[in-house]
């Protein structure tokens, strides 16, 4: 039975909007080519979507072209606003954008968890509210009867009818496990209490915005798949190398979170070379003890590329970046990364830097080999600040070791987005969710 005219129009409209979401602004001719619809049908849907405020003319395709056929149509960005948060152990970063992802405001603040859960949460929420205000978005009403927000009845009860340009969705990236049944951040040992309280506080202070929380490593993988190192892959694993260790599993274009939301907790993987075994509440003794930021700095001290006894303030990523620069400069002399200003003459440290990178690659290969043997992903992205800092130099070293350890082919790539991937992934998640709801 053929679809009714109204159903056919709705299907065509959704198809066009999906293309504009994925491809960006298009001409009517490009929509015709991509949808396979007739010219009159495309003209009708463009007129219909424009009249409904979903799309608008955003320019012309080519400086020499003029007229109706050259008009570029895109999604109306200011129809709604989005916020994305990257929640770390001691800081919060926020970005506010329009519906198509144009960044309108961004800010970050260190969080003093020692001050208590309440002050830490208030500090983070205030940051979000300031960024939303700076972006010109309506943060939402403070109650059901507030001005600017209407409500409609549905089978699920009252639902907000959002004002044009209001804050629609807040995407949050945080360490820890997300309960797949509730979508809530689970109470995980070792993470500050203000993390879980922050989600509830945002829902209370922004009652008409949807608040979505996701594991930080999963969001980084989504960002690398859309905008980074895995753009040509629909199956891969991202190995997150930062203060903590984790992995995100993407199979056939979809994140795989596991039965309890814990897929990719690679920091707990038992590996040789540690002082013991991890426990149910502590990943010390697992892969984390070999590849976490603290372990990377300790390795740097052992390889004498960082001052013994904790001297210096270099981060793990800075040490790795320095080591890569040193080995790629051949016999060029280089300062140690923690050397004080005005230090004595540089030393030849090429061999030490190479030893450091080789040993780090040995360690990372243990985790990567386990992932490859279990999932056969074909591609592993070294993410986080350390993965990005290692670049091709570290990725090649890891790949060489995997080639000798596993019969399965795998490409090892450095992250393109590095530490910015979590915030980017949170914004993409908020954008996808908002567009899906608004466009049907």
Protein backbone atom coordinates (compact mmCIF):
# COMPACT_ATOMS: atom_id res chain seq x y z
CA UNK A 1 0.00 0.00 0.00
CA UNK A 2 1.59 3.30 -1.05
CA UNK A 3 2.20 6.02 1.52
CA UNK A 4 -0.33 8.82 1.79
CA UNK A 5 0.74 12.25 0.45
CA UNK A 6 1.22 13.58 3.98
CA UNK A 7 3.34 10.58 4.99
CA UNK A 8 5.44 10.88 1.82
CA UNK A 9 6.03 14.57 2.53
CA UNK A 10 7.12 13.79 6.09
CA UNK A 11 9.53 11.10 4.88
CA UNK A 12 11.01 13.43 2.26
CA UNK A 13 11.38 16.24 4.78
CA UNK A 14 13.24 13.99 7.23
CA UNK A 15 15.49 12.72 4.44
CA UNK A 16 16.42 16.27 3.41
CA UNK A 17 17.04 17.35 7.00
CA UNK A 18 19.27 14.33 7.64
CA UNK A 19 21.34 15.23 4.60
CA UNK A 20 21.67 18.84 5.74
CA UNK A 21 22.72 17.59 9.18
CA UNK A 22 25.39 15.35 7.72
CA UNK A 23 26.60 17.33 4.72
CA UNK A 24 26.00 20.94 5.75
CA UNK A 25 24.45 23.55 3.43
CA UNK A 26 23.27 22.23 0.04
CA UNK A 27 21.62 23.64 -3.06
CA UNK A 28 18.26 22.39 -4.28
CA UNK A 29 20.11 20.66 -7.13
CA UNK A 30 22.38 18.84 -4.67
CA UNK A 31 19.37 17.78 -2.61
CA UNK A 32 17.76 16.44 -5.79
CA UNK A 33 20.89 14.46 -6.62
CA UNK A 34 21.37 13.07 -3.10
CA UNK A 35 17.72 12.21 -2.44
CA UNK A 36 16.77 10.98 -5.90
CA UNK A 37 13.59 13.06 -5.69
CA UNK A 38 12.17 15.03 -8.61
CA UNK A 39 12.91 18.73 -9.03
CA UNK A 40 9.29 19.80 -8.19
CA UNK A 41 9.28 17.60 -5.08
CA UNK A 42 12.57 19.11 -3.87
CA UNK A 43 11.28 22.62 -4.57
CA UNK A 44 8.16 21.88 -2.51
CA UNK A 45 10.08 20.48 0.46
CA UNK A 46 12.53 23.40 0.44
CA UNK A 47 9.61 25.84 0.51
CA UNK A 48 7.87 23.84 3.22
CA UNK A 49 10.94 23.52 5.48
CA UNK A 50 11.80 27.20 5.00
CA UNK A 51 8.25 28.28 5.92
CA UNK A 52 8.38 26.11 9.05
CA UNK A 53 11.62 27.76 10.20
CA UNK A 54 13.73 24.61 9.98
CA UNK A 55 16.01 25.70 7.12
CA UNK A 56 17.09 29.00 5.59
CA UNK A 57 19.15 30.31 2.71
CA UNK A 58 22.71 30.69 3.98
CA UNK A 59 24.52 31.82 0.82
CA UNK A 60 25.28 30.87 -2.76
CA UNK A 61 27.42 28.10 -4.19
CA UNK A 62 30.30 29.68 -6.07
CA UNK A 63 31.21 33.30 -6.61
CA UNK A 64 30.18 33.23 -10.28
CA UNK A 65 26.76 31.64 -9.78
CA UNK A 66 23.58 33.58 -9.16
CA UNK A 67 19.88 32.82 -9.07
CA UNK A 68 17.62 30.22 -7.46
CA UNK A 69 19.76 27.25 -8.52
CA UNK A 70 22.80 28.65 -6.70
CA UNK A 71 21.07 29.19 -3.35
CA UNK A 72 22.51 27.22 -0.47
CA UNK A 73 20.11 26.02 2.20
CA UNK A 74 21.13 25.07 5.72
CA UNK A 75 19.60 24.25 9.08
CA UNK A 76 18.53 27.31 11.09
CA UNK A 77 21.22 27.42 13.74
CA UNK A 78 19.61 29.79 16.23
CA UNK A 79 16.48 27.68 16.57
CA UNK A 80 18.07 26.16 19.68
CA UNK A 81 21.27 26.25 21.69
CA UNK A 82 23.46 23.47 23.07
CA UNK A 83 25.99 23.19 25.88
CA UNK A 84 28.80 20.68 26.30
CA UNK A 85 30.84 20.01 29.43
CA UNK A 86 34.13 18.22 29.97
CA UNK A 87 34.19 17.32 33.66
CA UNK A 88 37.62 16.43 35.02
CA UNK A 89 38.83 15.56 38.50
CA UNK A 90 39.87 19.15 39.20
CA UNK A 91 38.29 21.27 36.47
CA UNK A 92 35.27 21.84 34.25
CA UNK A 93 35.23 23.19 30.69
CA UNK A 94 32.09 24.30 28.86
CA UNK A 95 31.19 25.23 25.30
CA UNK A 96 27.86 26.72 24.17
CA UNK A 97 26.88 26.55 20.50
CA UNK A 98 23.92 26.96 18.21
CA UNK A 99 22.06 24.02 16.69
CA UNK A 100 24.59 23.49 13.88
CA UNK A 101 27.58 23.56 16.22
CA UNK A 102 28.83 27.14 15.80
CA UNK A 103 30.61 27.94 19.07
CA UNK A 104 29.19 31.04 20.75
CA UNK A 105 30.88 30.92 24.16
CA UNK A 106 33.45 28.82 25.97
CA UNK A 107 35.03 28.87 29.41
CA UNK A 108 36.77 26.71 31.97
CA UNK A 109 37.42 26.85 35.69
CA UNK A 110 39.55 24.86 38.17
CA UNK A 111 37.49 23.12 40.84
CA UNK A 112 38.66 22.97 44.44
CA UNK A 113 37.14 19.67 45.55
CA UNK A 114 38.64 20.16 49.04
CA UNK A 115 36.15 22.98 49.60
CA UNK A 116 33.32 20.42 49.66
CA UNK A 117 30.73 19.01 47.29
CA UNK A 118 28.32 21.95 47.52
CA UNK A 119 30.81 24.72 46.68
CA UNK A 120 32.37 22.61 43.90
CA UNK A 121 28.98 22.00 42.28
CA UNK A 122 27.98 25.66 42.61
CA UNK A 123 31.24 26.72 40.97
CA UNK A 124 30.65 24.42 38.00
CA UNK A 125 26.96 25.31 37.57
CA UNK A 126 27.74 29.03 37.74
CA UNK A 127 30.29 28.56 34.96
CA UNK A 128 27.64 26.96 32.73
CA UNK A 129 25.11 29.68 33.48
CA UNK A 130 27.61 32.43 32.64
CA UNK A 131 28.55 30.75 29.35
CA UNK A 132 24.87 30.29 28.41
CA UNK A 133 24.19 33.95 29.16
CA UNK A 134 27.22 35.08 27.17
CA UNK A 135 25.99 33.04 24.19
CA UNK A 136 22.61 34.75 24.33
CA UNK A 137 20.72 31.53 24.99
CA UNK A 138 17.68 31.30 27.23
CA UNK A 139 18.78 29.00 30.04
CA UNK A 140 15.26 27.85 30.76
CA UNK A 141 12.63 28.71 33.27
CA UNK A 142 12.84 28.09 36.98
CA UNK A 143 9.44 26.45 37.23
CA UNK A 144 6.39 25.22 35.30
CA UNK A 145 4.74 28.63 35.17
CA UNK A 146 7.76 30.74 34.28
CA UNK A 147 7.56 33.16 31.40
CA UNK A 148 8.99 32.09 28.08
CA UNK A 149 8.29 28.39 28.51
CA UNK A 150 4.97 26.78 27.70
CA UNK A 151 4.00 23.18 28.41
CA UNK A 152 1.93 20.72 26.47
CA UNK A 153 0.30 17.54 27.61
CA UNK A 154 1.36 14.21 26.18
CA UNK A 155 0.94 10.56 27.04
CA UNK A 156 4.03 10.95 29.21
CA UNK A 157 2.68 13.99 31.06
CA UNK A 158 3.65 17.68 30.72
CA UNK A 159 6.43 18.37 28.24
CA UNK A 160 8.14 21.72 27.65
CA UNK A 161 7.52 23.60 24.42
CA UNK A 162 10.84 25.40 24.21
CA UNK A 163 11.27 29.02 23.21
CA UNK A 164 13.08 29.77 19.97
CA UNK A 165 16.78 29.94 20.77
CA UNK A 166 16.50 28.39 24.22
CA UNK A 167 19.01 25.94 25.66
CA UNK A 168 17.82 22.59 24.40
CA UNK A 169 20.42 19.96 25.40
CA UNK A 170 23.43 19.77 27.71
CA UNK A 171 25.96 17.02 26.92
CA UNK A 172 28.35 16.05 29.72
CA UNK A 173 31.53 14.01 29.45
CA UNK A 174 32.83 12.60 32.74
CA UNK A 175 35.10 9.82 33.95
CA UNK A 176 33.43 6.79 35.45
CA UNK A 177 30.71 4.33 34.50
CA UNK A 178 27.32 5.25 33.07
CA UNK A 179 24.42 2.98 34.04
CA UNK A 180 23.00 1.75 30.69
CA UNK A 181 19.52 1.33 32.22
CA UNK A 182 19.19 4.83 33.68
CA UNK A 183 21.81 6.83 31.77
CA UNK A 184 23.10 8.14 35.11
CA UNK A 185 26.67 8.41 36.36
CA UNK A 186 27.31 5.55 38.76
CA UNK A 187 28.88 6.01 42.17
CA UNK A 188 32.43 4.94 41.37
CA UNK A 189 35.23 4.62 43.90
CA UNK A 190 38.02 7.13 43.38
CA UNK A 191 35.91 9.83 41.70
CA UNK A 192 34.86 12.99 43.56
CA UNK A 193 31.32 13.12 44.94
CA UNK A 194 30.63 16.45 43.23
CA UNK A 195 30.63 14.74 39.81
CA UNK A 196 27.37 12.91 40.47
CA UNK A 197 25.87 15.90 42.29
CA UNK A 198 26.68 18.16 39.34
CA UNK A 199 24.38 16.28 36.97
CA UNK A 200 21.42 16.62 39.32
CA UNK A 201 22.19 20.29 39.98
CA UNK A 202 22.22 21.08 36.27
CA UNK A 203 18.90 19.31 35.79
CA UNK A 204 17.44 21.38 38.64
CA UNK A 205 18.83 24.73 37.48
CA UNK A 206 18.10 24.08 33.79
CA UNK A 207 14.74 22.28 34.07
CA UNK A 208 13.73 22.72 30.44
CA UNK A 209 17.00 21.50 28.94
CA UNK A 210 17.75 17.85 28.39
CA UNK A 211 20.87 16.79 30.32
CA UNK A 212 22.78 13.80 28.91
CA UNK A 213 25.90 12.30 30.53
CA UNK A 214 28.36 9.94 28.84
CA UNK A 215 31.72 8.43 29.68
CA UNK A 216 34.54 10.72 28.57
CA UNK A 217 36.38 8.05 26.58
CA UNK A 218 33.24 7.12 24.64
CA UNK A 219 32.72 10.77 23.71
CA UNK A 220 36.34 11.06 22.59
CA UNK A 221 35.82 8.06 20.29
CA UNK A 222 32.68 9.62 18.77
CA UNK A 223 34.61 12.81 18.09
CA UNK A 224 37.54 10.96 16.50
CA UNK A 225 35.08 9.02 14.31
CA UNK A 226 33.34 12.18 13.11
CA UNK A 227 36.16 14.72 12.98
CA UNK A 228 39.44 13.02 13.80
CA UNK A 229 41.69 10.02 13.32
CA UNK A 230 38.93 7.45 12.66
CA UNK A 231 36.86 9.31 10.06
CA UNK A 232 37.30 6.47 7.58
CA UNK A 233 36.52 3.71 10.11
CA UNK A 234 33.26 2.32 11.46
CA UNK A 235 35.05 -0.28 13.59
CA UNK A 236 37.94 0.75 15.85
CA UNK A 237 39.04 1.08 19.47
CA UNK A 238 40.21 4.29 21.06
CA UNK A 239 42.79 3.84 23.82
CA UNK A 240 42.54 6.83 26.18
CA UNK A 241 45.95 7.79 27.61
CA UNK A 242 45.74 10.54 30.20
CA UNK A 243 45.57 10.76 34.00
CA UNK A 244 43.52 7.58 33.80
CA UNK A 245 43.38 4.78 31.27
CA UNK A 246 40.34 3.57 29.35
CA UNK A 247 39.13 2.38 25.99
CA UNK A 248 36.08 3.00 23.83
CA UNK A 249 34.80 0.27 21.54
CA UNK A 250 33.10 1.20 18.26
CA UNK A 251 31.78 -1.70 16.18
CA UNK A 252 29.90 -1.17 12.91
CA UNK A 253 29.55 2.54 13.64
CA UNK A 254 28.00 2.12 17.10
CA UNK A 255 29.46 2.50 20.58
CA UNK A 256 29.44 -0.73 22.56
CA UNK A 257 29.11 -0.02 26.27
CA UNK A 258 28.74 -3.55 27.64
CA UNK A 259 26.10 -5.08 29.89
CA UNK A 260 26.87 -2.79 32.83
CA UNK A 261 28.34 0.16 30.94
CA UNK A 262 31.89 -0.87 31.72
CA UNK A 263 33.22 -2.00 28.34
CA UNK A 264 36.70 -0.59 27.89
CA UNK A 265 37.76 -0.37 31.55
CA UNK A 266 41.25 -1.28 30.42
CA UNK A 267 42.95 0.25 33.44
CA UNK A 268 41.85 -2.85 35.40
CA UNK A 269 43.41 -5.27 32.88
CA UNK A 270 45.94 -7.54 34.66
CA UNK A 271 49.28 -7.29 32.88
CA UNK A 272 52.86 -8.40 33.57
CA UNK A 273 55.29 -5.85 34.91
CA UNK A 274 53.24 -4.46 37.81
CA UNK A 275 53.65 -5.02 41.54
CA UNK A 276 50.43 -6.92 41.98
CA UNK A 277 46.88 -7.34 40.71
CA UNK A 278 44.08 -4.78 40.50
CA UNK A 279 41.10 -5.06 42.82
CA UNK A 280 37.40 -4.41 42.34
CA UNK A 281 37.85 -0.91 43.75
CA UNK A 282 41.36 0.03 42.63
CA UNK A 283 43.04 -0.34 39.24
CA UNK A 284 46.50 -0.10 40.81
CA UNK A 285 48.35 -3.20 39.63
CA UNK A 286 46.50 -3.26 36.33
CA UNK A 287 47.34 -1.70 32.97
CA UNK A 288 46.82 1.72 34.58
CA UNK A 289 50.01 1.15 36.61
CA UNK A 290 52.01 0.90 33.38
CA UNK A 291 50.36 3.50 31.15
CA UNK A 292 48.66 6.14 33.34
CA UNK A 293 50.15 9.64 33.50
CA UNK A 294 51.87 8.99 36.83
CA UNK A 295 53.44 5.81 35.45
CA UNK A 296 54.65 7.68 32.34
CA UNK A 297 56.37 10.30 34.51
CA UNK A 298 57.97 7.60 36.65
CA UNK A 299 59.25 5.91 33.51
CA UNK A 300 60.72 9.24 32.40
CA UNK A 301 62.64 9.45 35.64
CA UNK A 302 63.90 5.89 35.25
CA UNK A 303 65.11 6.73 31.74
CA UNK A 304 66.77 9.90 33.07
CA UNK A 305 64.80 12.24 30.87
CA UNK A 306 63.18 13.86 33.88
CA UNK A 307 64.81 14.99 37.09
CA UNK A 308 65.09 12.33 39.78
CA UNK A 309 63.02 12.86 42.91
CA UNK A 310 60.11 14.67 41.34
CA UNK A 311 62.07 17.73 40.16
CA UNK A 312 60.37 19.76 37.51
CA UNK A 313 56.71 20.32 36.68
CA UNK A 314 56.43 18.67 33.27
CA UNK A 315 53.26 16.70 32.54
CA UNK A 316 53.28 13.25 31.00
CA UNK A 317 52.15 14.69 27.65
CA UNK A 318 54.91 17.31 27.71
CA UNK A 319 57.55 14.67 28.38
CA UNK A 320 56.29 12.46 25.53
CA UNK A 321 56.12 15.42 23.16
CA UNK A 322 59.66 16.43 24.09
CA UNK A 323 60.96 12.88 23.61
CA UNK A 324 59.37 12.69 20.15
CA UNK A 325 60.92 16.02 19.16
CA UNK A 326 64.30 14.85 20.43
CA UNK A 327 64.41 11.55 18.52
CA UNK A 328 63.10 13.12 15.31
CA UNK A 329 65.87 15.76 15.49
CA UNK A 330 68.49 13.03 15.10
CA UNK A 331 71.68 13.97 16.95
CA UNK A 332 70.50 17.48 17.79
CA UNK A 333 71.06 18.45 21.41
CA UNK A 334 67.98 19.09 23.53
CA UNK A 335 67.14 20.22 27.02
CA UNK A 336 65.35 17.87 29.38
CA UNK A 337 61.68 18.87 29.65
CA UNK A 338 62.01 19.93 33.30
CA UNK A 339 65.28 21.83 32.92
CA UNK A 340 65.11 25.23 34.71
CA UNK A 341 65.47 28.44 32.77
CA UNK A 342 69.08 29.46 32.40
CA UNK A 343 70.29 25.90 32.85
CA UNK A 344 73.74 24.82 31.80
CA UNK A 345 74.58 23.74 28.26
CA UNK A 346 72.22 21.18 26.65
CA UNK A 347 73.14 17.50 26.75
CA UNK A 348 72.93 14.85 24.08
CA UNK A 349 69.86 12.92 25.16
CA UNK A 350 68.74 11.26 21.94
CA UNK A 351 69.46 7.73 23.20
CA UNK A 352 67.62 8.34 26.48
CA UNK A 353 64.57 9.77 24.70
CA UNK A 354 64.50 6.80 22.31
CA UNK A 355 64.76 4.36 25.22
CA UNK A 356 61.90 6.14 26.96
CA UNK A 357 59.64 5.93 23.87
CA UNK A 358 60.59 2.31 23.21
CA UNK A 359 59.76 1.28 26.78
CA UNK A 360 56.50 3.22 26.71
CA UNK A 361 55.57 1.48 23.45
CA UNK A 362 56.38 -1.91 25.06
CA UNK A 363 53.93 -1.10 27.83
CA UNK A 364 51.16 0.21 25.57
CA UNK A 365 51.49 -2.83 23.31
CA UNK A 366 50.37 -5.07 26.20
CA UNK A 367 47.01 -3.31 26.36
CA UNK A 368 46.62 -2.95 22.61
CA UNK A 369 47.44 -6.62 22.01
CA UNK A 370 44.70 -7.67 24.43
CA UNK A 371 42.17 -5.47 22.63
CA UNK A 372 43.24 -6.77 19.22
CA UNK A 373 43.05 -10.43 20.29
CA UNK A 374 39.56 -9.98 21.72
CA UNK A 375 37.89 -7.62 19.22
CA UNK A 376 39.96 -7.61 16.01
CA UNK A 377 39.12 -3.92 15.48
CA UNK A 378 41.52 -3.35 12.59
CA UNK A 379 42.38 0.10 13.97
CA UNK A 380 43.44 1.43 17.36
CA UNK A 381 43.61 5.17 18.02
CA UNK A 382 45.99 6.36 20.75
CA UNK A 383 43.92 9.12 22.32
CA UNK A 384 44.13 11.62 25.13
CA UNK A 385 46.93 14.11 25.68
CA UNK A 386 49.63 11.42 25.77
CA UNK A 387 48.38 9.68 22.62
CA UNK A 388 48.30 12.92 20.68
CA UNK A 389 51.71 13.98 22.03
CA UNK A 390 53.26 10.69 20.88
CA UNK A 391 52.10 11.26 17.32
CA UNK A 392 53.22 8.94 14.56
CA UNK A 393 56.52 8.29 16.33
CA UNK A 394 54.85 6.48 19.24
CA UNK A 395 52.08 4.94 17.11
CA UNK A 396 54.60 3.34 14.75
CA UNK A 397 56.54 1.89 17.68
CA UNK A 398 53.37 0.34 19.13
CA UNK A 399 52.30 -1.01 15.72
CA UNK A 400 55.69 -2.69 15.22
CA UNK A 401 55.32 -4.52 18.52
CA UNK A 402 51.75 -5.61 17.79
CA UNK A 403 52.84 -6.97 14.42
CA UNK A 404 55.20 -9.31 16.26
CA UNK A 405 52.64 -10.29 18.91
CA UNK A 406 49.42 -10.83 16.95
CA UNK A 407 48.47 -12.55 13.68
CA UNK A 408 45.63 -10.04 13.23
CA UNK A 409 46.27 -6.93 11.12
CA UNK A 410 45.79 -3.64 12.95
CA UNK A 411 46.63 -0.05 12.20
CA UNK A 412 47.72 2.14 15.12
CA UNK A 413 47.05 5.84 14.73
CA UNK A 414 47.65 8.87 16.94
CA UNK A 415 44.71 11.00 17.99
CA UNK A 416 43.97 14.10 15.93
CA UNK A 417 41.82 15.81 18.56
CA UNK A 418 43.74 14.82 21.69
CA UNK A 419 42.48 16.35 24.91
CA UNK A 420 39.79 18.38 23.10
CA UNK A 421 38.01 15.22 21.93
CA UNK A 422 35.80 14.87 25.04
CA UNK A 423 34.32 18.35 24.72
CA UNK A 424 33.87 17.90 20.98
CA UNK A 425 32.15 14.54 21.51
CA UNK A 426 29.84 16.00 24.15
CA UNK A 427 28.82 18.78 21.77
CA UNK A 428 28.21 16.34 18.90
CA UNK A 429 26.07 14.16 21.18
CA UNK A 430 24.00 17.16 22.28
CA UNK A 431 23.66 18.30 18.67
CA UNK A 432 22.51 14.91 17.40
CA UNK A 433 19.97 14.53 20.19
CA UNK A 434 18.52 18.00 19.75
CA UNK A 435 18.25 17.73 15.98
CA UNK A 436 16.62 14.32 16.23
CA UNK A 437 13.96 15.67 18.58
CA UNK A 438 13.35 18.89 16.68
CA UNK A 439 13.24 17.32 13.24
CA UNK A 440 11.30 14.20 14.15
